[in-house]
């Protein structure tokens, strides 16, 4: 409902910008490039990759009529995020 309301009331550019800013704040403390699989990656680049991917998939899901239930999307996106965080 939050996403649909933002798209309807303020348009996609505003939705994208606000959602992007929100996710940057949410994920910035989750990014660890000091060791492991992300050791050689730049923290800013990794954060932008993850956030932009997340925003894009949610935007795709909404604009395509939410073809999958929220639970399926949450599981799928969660699996993908775990692979990168």
N, C-alpha and C. Protein backbone atom coordinates (compact mmCIF):
# COMPACT_ATOMS: atom_id res chain seq x y z
N UNK A 1 0.82 -1.19 0.00
CA UNK A 1 0.00 0.00 0.00
C UNK A 1 0.87 1.26 0.00
N UNK A 2 1.94 1.27 0.80
CA UNK A 2 2.85 2.40 0.85
C UNK A 2 3.39 2.73 -0.53
N UNK A 3 3.84 1.70 -1.26
CA UNK A 3 4.44 1.92 -2.57
C UNK A 3 3.41 2.38 -3.58
N UNK A 4 2.25 1.75 -3.58
CA UNK A 4 1.19 2.13 -4.52
C UNK A 4 0.76 3.57 -4.29
N UNK A 5 0.65 3.98 -3.03
CA UNK A 5 0.26 5.34 -2.69
C UNK A 5 1.30 6.33 -3.20
N UNK A 6 2.57 6.02 -3.00
CA UNK A 6 3.63 6.92 -3.46
C UNK A 6 3.60 7.06 -4.98
N UNK A 7 3.41 5.96 -5.67
CA UNK A 7 3.37 6.02 -7.13
C UNK A 7 2.18 6.83 -7.61
N UNK A 8 1.04 6.64 -6.98
CA UNK A 8 -0.17 7.32 -7.42
C UNK A 8 -0.15 8.80 -7.07
N UNK A 9 0.34 9.16 -5.90
CA UNK A 9 0.24 10.54 -5.46
C UNK A 9 1.37 11.43 -5.94
N UNK A 10 2.57 10.93 -6.03
CA UNK A 10 3.71 11.78 -6.36
C UNK A 10 4.42 11.37 -7.63
N UNK A 11 4.09 10.24 -8.18
CA UNK A 11 4.71 9.79 -9.40
C UNK A 11 5.94 8.94 -9.17
N UNK A 12 6.32 8.24 -10.21
CA UNK A 12 7.43 7.30 -10.14
C UNK A 12 8.78 7.95 -9.80
N UNK A 13 9.13 9.12 -10.36
CA UNK A 13 10.44 9.70 -10.01
C UNK A 13 10.57 10.01 -8.51
N UNK A 14 9.52 10.54 -7.92
CA UNK A 14 9.56 10.83 -6.49
C UNK A 14 9.63 9.54 -5.68
N UNK A 15 8.85 8.56 -6.08
CA UNK A 15 8.87 7.26 -5.41
C UNK A 15 10.28 6.68 -5.45
N UNK A 16 10.86 6.67 -6.62
CA UNK A 16 12.19 6.09 -6.80
C UNK A 16 13.23 6.79 -5.92
N UNK A 17 13.21 8.11 -5.93
CA UNK A 17 14.18 8.88 -5.15
C UNK A 17 14.02 8.65 -3.65
N UNK A 18 12.79 8.73 -3.16
CA UNK A 18 12.56 8.56 -1.73
C UNK A 18 12.85 7.13 -1.27
N UNK A 19 12.44 6.17 -2.06
CA UNK A 19 12.69 4.78 -1.72
C UNK A 19 14.18 4.49 -1.74
N UNK A 20 14.89 5.04 -2.71
CA UNK A 20 16.34 4.87 -2.81
C UNK A 20 17.01 5.43 -1.57
N UNK A 21 16.65 6.65 -1.18
CA UNK A 21 17.24 7.28 0.01
C UNK A 21 16.96 6.45 1.26
N UNK A 22 15.74 5.95 1.39
CA UNK A 22 15.37 5.12 2.53
C UNK A 22 16.24 3.86 2.59
N UNK A 23 16.40 3.19 1.45
CA UNK A 23 17.17 1.95 1.42
C UNK A 23 18.65 2.18 1.67
N UNK A 24 19.20 3.28 1.21
CA UNK A 24 20.60 3.60 1.49
C UNK A 24 20.81 3.63 3.00
N UNK A 25 19.92 4.31 3.69
CA UNK A 25 20.02 4.39 5.15
C UNK A 25 19.87 3.01 5.80
N UNK A 26 18.98 2.19 5.27
CA UNK A 26 18.73 0.87 5.84
C UNK A 26 19.90 -0.09 5.62
N UNK A 27 20.52 -0.03 4.44
CA UNK A 27 21.55 -1.01 4.09
C UNK A 27 22.98 -0.58 4.38
N UNK A 28 23.23 0.71 4.59
CA UNK A 28 24.62 1.16 4.70
C UNK A 28 25.38 0.49 5.84
N UNK A 29 24.70 0.13 6.90
CA UNK A 29 25.37 -0.54 8.01
C UNK A 29 25.49 -2.05 7.81
N UNK A 30 24.82 -2.57 6.79
CA UNK A 30 24.86 -4.01 6.50
C UNK A 30 26.02 -4.37 5.57
N UNK A 31 26.55 -3.38 4.88
CA UNK A 31 27.61 -3.60 3.90
C UNK A 31 28.94 -3.81 4.62
N UNK A 32 29.60 -4.92 4.28
CA UNK A 32 30.91 -5.21 4.87
C UNK A 32 31.88 -5.59 3.75
N UNK A 33 32.81 -4.69 3.48
CA UNK A 33 33.81 -4.97 2.45
C UNK A 33 35.18 -5.22 3.07
N UNK A 34 35.22 -5.42 4.37
CA UNK A 34 36.50 -5.61 5.04
C UNK A 34 37.01 -7.05 4.93
N UNK A 35 36.11 -7.98 4.60
CA UNK A 35 36.52 -9.38 4.50
C UNK A 35 35.51 -10.15 3.67
N UNK A 36 35.79 -11.39 3.44
CA UNK A 36 34.87 -12.28 2.73
C UNK A 36 34.72 -11.97 1.26
N UNK A 37 33.57 -12.35 0.72
CA UNK A 37 33.35 -12.26 -0.73
C UNK A 37 33.34 -10.85 -1.28
N UNK A 38 33.11 -9.85 -0.43
CA UNK A 38 33.07 -8.46 -0.89
C UNK A 38 34.35 -7.70 -0.56
N UNK A 39 35.39 -8.42 -0.16
CA UNK A 39 36.64 -7.81 0.31
C UNK A 39 37.24 -6.79 -0.65
N UNK A 40 37.24 -7.06 -1.92
CA UNK A 40 37.90 -6.16 -2.87
C UNK A 40 36.96 -5.13 -3.49
N UNK A 41 35.72 -5.07 -3.01
CA UNK A 41 34.75 -4.14 -3.57
C UNK A 41 34.73 -2.82 -2.81
N UNK A 42 34.43 -1.76 -3.52
CA UNK A 42 34.25 -0.45 -2.92
C UNK A 42 32.89 -0.43 -2.22
N UNK A 43 32.86 0.02 -0.99
CA UNK A 43 31.62 0.02 -0.19
C UNK A 43 30.51 0.84 -0.84
N UNK A 44 30.84 2.01 -1.38
CA UNK A 44 29.83 2.85 -2.02
C UNK A 44 29.25 2.19 -3.27
N UNK A 45 30.11 1.56 -4.05
CA UNK A 45 29.65 0.89 -5.27
C UNK A 45 28.74 -0.28 -4.91
N UNK A 46 29.14 -1.08 -3.93
CA UNK A 46 28.32 -2.22 -3.52
C UNK A 46 26.97 -1.74 -2.98
N UNK A 47 26.98 -0.71 -2.16
CA UNK A 47 25.73 -0.19 -1.61
C UNK A 47 24.81 0.29 -2.72
N UNK A 48 25.34 1.03 -3.68
CA UNK A 48 24.51 1.52 -4.78
C UNK A 48 23.99 0.38 -5.65
N UNK A 49 24.81 -0.65 -5.86
CA UNK A 49 24.38 -1.82 -6.63
C UNK A 49 23.17 -2.48 -5.96
N UNK A 50 23.28 -2.71 -4.67
CA UNK A 50 22.22 -3.39 -3.93
C UNK A 50 20.95 -2.54 -3.88
N UNK A 51 21.10 -1.27 -3.54
CA UNK A 51 19.94 -0.39 -3.40
C UNK A 51 19.25 -0.19 -4.74
N UNK A 52 20.01 0.06 -5.79
CA UNK A 52 19.42 0.26 -7.11
C UNK A 52 18.71 -0.99 -7.60
N UNK A 53 19.29 -2.14 -7.33
CA UNK A 53 18.65 -3.41 -7.70
C UNK A 53 17.33 -3.57 -6.95
N UNK A 54 17.35 -3.30 -5.67
CA UNK A 54 16.15 -3.42 -4.84
C UNK A 54 15.05 -2.49 -5.33
N UNK A 55 15.39 -1.22 -5.56
CA UNK A 55 14.42 -0.25 -6.04
C UNK A 55 13.86 -0.70 -7.39
N UNK A 56 14.73 -1.15 -8.26
CA UNK A 56 14.29 -1.57 -9.59
C UNK A 56 13.34 -2.74 -9.57
N UNK A 57 13.60 -3.73 -8.74
CA UNK A 57 12.74 -4.90 -8.71
C UNK A 57 11.38 -4.57 -8.10
N UNK A 58 11.37 -3.71 -7.08
CA UNK A 58 10.09 -3.30 -6.49
C UNK A 58 9.29 -2.45 -7.48
N UNK A 59 9.96 -1.55 -8.16
CA UNK A 59 9.30 -0.73 -9.17
C UNK A 59 8.73 -1.60 -10.28
N UNK A 60 9.51 -2.57 -10.74
CA UNK A 60 9.05 -3.50 -11.77
C UNK A 60 7.81 -4.25 -11.28
N UNK A 61 7.86 -4.74 -10.06
CA UNK A 61 6.77 -5.52 -9.49
C UNK A 61 5.48 -4.70 -9.46
N UNK A 62 5.58 -3.45 -9.01
CA UNK A 62 4.39 -2.60 -8.92
C UNK A 62 3.85 -2.24 -10.29
N UNK A 63 4.72 -1.79 -11.19
CA UNK A 63 4.26 -1.33 -12.51
C UNK A 63 3.76 -2.48 -13.38
N UNK A 64 4.09 -3.70 -13.02
CA UNK A 64 3.60 -4.86 -13.77
C UNK A 64 2.42 -5.54 -13.07
N UNK A 65 1.76 -4.81 -12.22
CA UNK A 65 0.55 -5.32 -11.60
C UNK A 65 0.78 -6.33 -10.49
N UNK A 66 1.94 -6.30 -9.88
CA UNK A 66 2.28 -7.20 -8.77
C UNK A 66 1.98 -8.65 -9.13
N UNK A 67 2.69 -9.17 -10.14
CA UNK A 67 2.39 -10.52 -10.66
C UNK A 67 2.69 -11.66 -9.69
N UNK A 68 3.40 -11.39 -8.64
CA UNK A 68 3.70 -12.41 -7.63
C UNK A 68 3.27 -11.89 -6.27
N UNK A 69 2.85 -12.77 -5.40
CA UNK A 69 2.44 -12.33 -4.06
C UNK A 69 3.62 -11.69 -3.31
N UNK A 70 3.32 -10.77 -2.39
CA UNK A 70 4.38 -10.11 -1.62
C UNK A 70 5.32 -11.10 -0.94
N UNK A 71 4.79 -12.21 -0.44
CA UNK A 71 5.63 -13.19 0.24
C UNK A 71 6.68 -13.78 -0.70
N UNK A 72 6.28 -14.06 -1.93
CA UNK A 72 7.20 -14.61 -2.92
C UNK A 72 8.28 -13.59 -3.24
N UNK A 73 7.89 -12.34 -3.44
CA UNK A 73 8.86 -11.30 -3.73
C UNK A 73 9.83 -11.12 -2.58
N UNK A 74 9.31 -11.11 -1.35
CA UNK A 74 10.17 -10.93 -0.18
C UNK A 74 11.18 -12.07 -0.09
N UNK A 75 10.74 -13.29 -0.33
CA UNK A 75 11.65 -14.44 -0.27
C UNK A 75 12.71 -14.35 -1.35
N UNK A 76 12.28 -14.08 -2.57
CA UNK A 76 13.21 -14.02 -3.70
C UNK A 76 14.23 -12.91 -3.53
N UNK A 77 13.77 -11.72 -3.18
CA UNK A 77 14.68 -10.59 -3.00
C UNK A 77 15.59 -10.84 -1.80
N UNK A 78 15.06 -11.44 -0.75
CA UNK A 78 15.87 -11.77 0.41
C UNK A 78 17.02 -12.70 0.06
N UNK A 79 16.73 -13.72 -0.75
CA UNK A 79 17.77 -14.66 -1.18
C UNK A 79 18.83 -13.92 -1.99
N UNK A 80 18.41 -13.08 -2.89
CA UNK A 80 19.36 -12.33 -3.71
C UNK A 80 20.21 -11.38 -2.87
N UNK A 81 19.60 -10.72 -1.91
CA UNK A 81 20.35 -9.80 -1.05
C UNK A 81 21.38 -10.55 -0.21
N UNK A 82 21.00 -11.71 0.31
CA UNK A 82 21.93 -12.49 1.12
C UNK A 82 23.17 -12.89 0.33
N UNK A 83 23.02 -13.07 -0.96
CA UNK A 83 24.16 -13.44 -1.79
C UNK A 83 25.17 -12.31 -1.91
N UNK A 84 24.72 -11.08 -1.69
CA UNK A 84 25.61 -9.93 -1.88
C UNK A 84 26.02 -9.24 -0.58
N UNK A 85 25.30 -9.50 0.50
CA UNK A 85 25.62 -8.81 1.75
C UNK A 85 26.57 -9.58 2.58
